[in-house]
Amino acid sequence: MLKRRHFLLVSLLAVSAAAVPAIMARDGQVVVDDKDWTLSTVNALDGTMEVLTDGDTHPPIYQVNVLRPGQGVEDLHLQKPVPADVLSSNQPLSLRFRARAGNRRKIRTALQDPQNEPWASEVTLTSDWQEFRLPIKPKTSPKGQAIMAFQIGGTSGDVAITDIKLERS
């Protein structure tokens, strides 16, 4: 049975562990995993996040509901800090995750810092679970603390993201 950890308000969409496809084996060393991602809002955007988990059997499902969209996707982030040594090693990285949305929509994944956004990629989500593997090739080196983010604030509705891995390729 899934345990719910609530963040902000309770999301409107219920997701069960049975709805998530089986986890596939992963190659590469995981440098950022799917635990402890947080929701960050910009410009007082309204959104909620609920974390669905059943412990160690399945990865957490981060279910975000955008109640009032902002000016763009960057106004609502599901994010996690990236250790500095990961970026300074100059080894290729890949972002892997599975996601779906209540309605077809685009989200952006980004590696960013307070000064710039050295890497970003856009994906289109549907109501079916999809698996994504995005090679990360930063255009510039991050300055200061970097974060990995899923930017989802541009459209109302729900997004579910799970099995997040930032890996050395």
Protein backbone atom coordinates (compact mmCIF):
# COMPACT_ATOMS: atom_id res chain seq x y z
CA MET A 1 0.00 0.00 0.00
CA LEU A 2 1.30 3.43 -0.89
CA LYS A 3 2.13 5.83 1.92
CA ARG A 4 1.52 9.47 1.13
CA ARG A 5 3.83 12.27 2.17
CA HIS A 6 2.06 15.56 1.50
CA PHE A 7 3.78 18.75 0.39
CA LEU A 8 1.78 21.98 0.15
CA LEU A 9 -1.81 20.87 -0.66
CA VAL A 10 -3.09 17.41 -1.58
CA SER A 11 -2.97 16.77 -5.32
CA LEU A 12 -6.17 15.93 -7.15
CA LEU A 13 -4.99 12.90 -9.14
CA ALA A 14 -4.60 9.48 -7.49
CA VAL A 15 -1.81 7.27 -8.83
CA SER A 16 -1.27 3.70 -7.75
CA ALA A 17 1.96 1.73 -7.81
CA ALA A 18 0.28 -0.74 -10.16
CA ALA A 19 -0.04 2.04 -12.75
CA VAL A 20 3.74 2.41 -12.95
CA PRO A 21 5.58 0.02 -15.31
CA ALA A 22 8.25 -2.29 -13.87
CA ILE A 23 11.63 -0.72 -13.22
CA MET A 24 14.20 -1.60 -15.86
CA ALA A 25 17.86 -2.32 -15.08
CA ARG A 26 20.08 0.74 -15.37
CA ASP A 27 23.64 1.05 -16.59
CA GLY A 28 25.98 3.68 -15.24
CA GLN A 29 26.79 5.09 -11.83
CA VAL A 30 23.88 7.01 -10.29
CA VAL A 31 25.02 10.40 -9.00
CA VAL A 32 21.58 11.88 -8.19
CA ASP A 33 18.72 9.52 -7.35
CA ASP A 34 14.94 9.73 -7.07
CA LYS A 35 14.78 10.51 -3.34
CA ASP A 36 13.99 13.88 -1.73
CA TRP A 37 13.12 16.10 -4.69
CA THR A 38 11.37 19.36 -3.73
CA LEU A 39 8.85 21.69 -5.33
CA SER A 40 9.91 25.30 -5.89
CA THR A 41 7.65 28.07 -7.14
CA VAL A 42 8.51 31.40 -8.75
CA ASN A 43 6.25 34.45 -9.02
CA ALA A 44 3.74 33.09 -6.46
CA LEU A 45 2.56 30.37 -8.84
CA ASP A 46 -0.03 27.99 -7.36
CA GLY A 47 0.89 24.32 -7.40
CA THR A 48 0.86 21.27 -5.17
CA MET A 49 3.02 18.19 -4.84
CA GLU A 50 2.28 14.81 -3.33
CA VAL A 51 4.87 12.06 -2.98
CA LEU A 52 3.48 8.55 -3.34
CA THR A 53 5.71 5.79 -2.03
CA ASP A 54 5.55 2.27 -0.69
CA GLY A 55 9.06 2.19 0.73
CA ASP A 56 11.75 0.27 -1.13
CA THR A 57 9.62 -1.73 -3.57
CA HIS A 58 8.95 1.08 -6.03
CA PRO A 59 10.59 4.47 -6.51
CA PRO A 60 8.67 7.50 -5.23
CA ILE A 61 6.16 9.06 -7.60
CA TYR A 62 6.27 12.86 -7.55
CA GLN A 63 2.79 14.00 -8.48
CA VAL A 64 2.57 17.73 -9.18
CA ASN A 65 -0.64 19.59 -9.91
CA VAL A 66 -0.30 23.03 -11.50
CA LEU A 67 -3.34 24.94 -10.26
CA ARG A 68 -2.55 28.32 -11.85
CA PRO A 69 0.03 28.36 -14.64
CA GLY A 70 2.72 31.04 -14.63
CA GLN A 71 4.33 32.94 -17.47
CA GLY A 72 6.29 29.87 -18.56
CA VAL A 73 7.40 26.37 -17.65
CA GLU A 74 10.21 27.72 -15.46
CA ASP A 75 7.75 29.09 -12.86
CA LEU A 76 7.31 25.71 -11.14
CA HIS A 77 10.24 23.32 -10.58
CA LEU A 78 10.60 19.82 -9.22
CA GLN A 79 14.26 20.10 -8.26
CA LYS A 80 17.26 18.64 -6.45
CA PRO A 81 20.83 19.94 -5.89
CA VAL A 82 23.63 18.35 -7.93
CA PRO A 83 26.93 17.74 -6.09
CA ALA A 84 29.71 20.01 -7.41
CA ASP A 85 32.09 17.09 -8.02
CA VAL A 86 29.61 15.56 -10.46
CA LEU A 87 29.87 18.55 -12.77
CA SER A 88 33.60 19.17 -12.30
CA SER A 89 34.53 15.65 -13.39
CA ASN A 90 33.79 16.42 -17.07
CA GLN A 91 32.33 12.94 -17.50
CA PRO A 92 29.24 12.60 -19.71
CA LEU A 93 25.92 12.49 -17.84
CA SER A 94 22.44 11.22 -18.68
CA LEU A 95 19.11 12.04 -17.07
CA ARG A 96 16.70 9.11 -16.94
CA PHE A 97 13.14 9.27 -15.70
CA ARG A 98 9.59 8.10 -16.37
CA ALA A 99 6.70 10.53 -16.58
CA ARG A 100 3.12 11.09 -17.62
CA ALA A 101 0.59 13.93 -17.54
CA GLY A 102 -3.18 14.22 -17.25
CA ASN A 103 -3.21 15.85 -20.69
CA ARG A 104 -0.61 16.07 -23.44
CA ARG A 105 1.90 18.79 -22.47
CA LYS A 106 5.53 19.82 -22.71
CA ILE A 107 7.90 20.09 -19.78
CA ARG A 108 11.53 21.14 -19.72
CA THR A 109 14.36 19.45 -17.87
CA ALA A 110 17.28 21.71 -16.99
CA LEU A 111 20.61 21.81 -15.23
CA GLN A 112 20.83 25.31 -13.82
CA ASP A 113 22.57 27.55 -11.33
CA PRO A 114 21.85 31.07 -10.03
CA GLN A 115 23.70 32.63 -12.99
CA ASN A 116 22.66 30.59 -16.02
CA GLU A 117 21.12 27.45 -17.48
CA PRO A 118 24.01 25.45 -18.99
CA TRP A 119 21.74 22.64 -20.28
CA ALA A 120 18.03 22.18 -21.01
CA SER A 121 15.89 19.76 -22.98
CA GLU A 122 12.16 19.67 -23.67
CA VAL A 123 9.99 16.53 -23.72
CA THR A 124 6.32 15.96 -24.48
CA LEU A 125 4.28 13.98 -21.97
CA THR A 126 1.07 12.07 -22.63
CA SER A 127 -1.34 10.25 -20.33
CA ASP A 128 0.73 7.04 -20.74
CA TRP A 129 3.92 6.40 -18.78
CA GLN A 130 6.96 7.10 -20.98
CA GLU A 131 10.62 6.52 -20.24
CA PHE A 132 13.14 9.22 -21.18
CA ARG A 133 16.95 9.16 -21.40
CA LEU A 134 18.48 12.54 -22.11
CA PRO A 135 22.23 12.98 -22.62
CA ILE A 136 23.48 16.07 -20.77
CA LYS A 137 26.00 18.17 -22.62
CA PRO A 138 26.33 21.54 -20.83
CA LYS A 139 27.03 24.56 -23.05
CA THR A 140 28.84 26.27 -20.16
CA SER A 141 30.12 25.24 -16.75
CA PRO A 142 27.70 25.92 -13.89
CA LYS A 143 28.83 28.65 -11.51
CA GLY A 144 28.02 27.96 -7.88
CA GLN A 145 25.39 25.49 -6.66
CA ALA A 146 23.74 23.66 -9.54
CA ILE A 147 20.33 21.99 -9.49
CA MET A 148 18.62 19.48 -11.71
CA ALA A 149 15.06 20.61 -12.39
CA PHE A 150 11.87 19.55 -14.09
CA GLN A 151 10.20 22.82 -15.15
CA ILE A 152 6.44 22.27 -15.40
CA GLY A 153 4.66 25.54 -14.63
CA GLY A 154 3.41 26.67 -18.05
CA THR A 155 0.15 24.71 -18.24
CA SER A 156 -2.55 23.81 -15.69
CA GLY A 157 -2.95 20.14 -14.85
CA ASP A 158 -1.05 17.28 -13.34
CA VAL A 159 2.33 15.67 -14.01
CA ALA A 160 3.70 12.49 -12.41
CA ILE A 161 7.46 11.79 -12.49
CA THR A 162 9.23 8.73 -11.09
CA ASP A 163 12.41 6.66 -11.29
CA ILE A 164 14.63 9.75 -11.64
CA LYS A 165 18.35 9.04 -12.12
CA LEU A 166 21.19 11.36 -13.06
CA GLU A 167 23.94 8.96 -14.17
CA ARG A 168 27.45 9.03 -15.47
CA SER A 169 27.25 7.72 -19.04
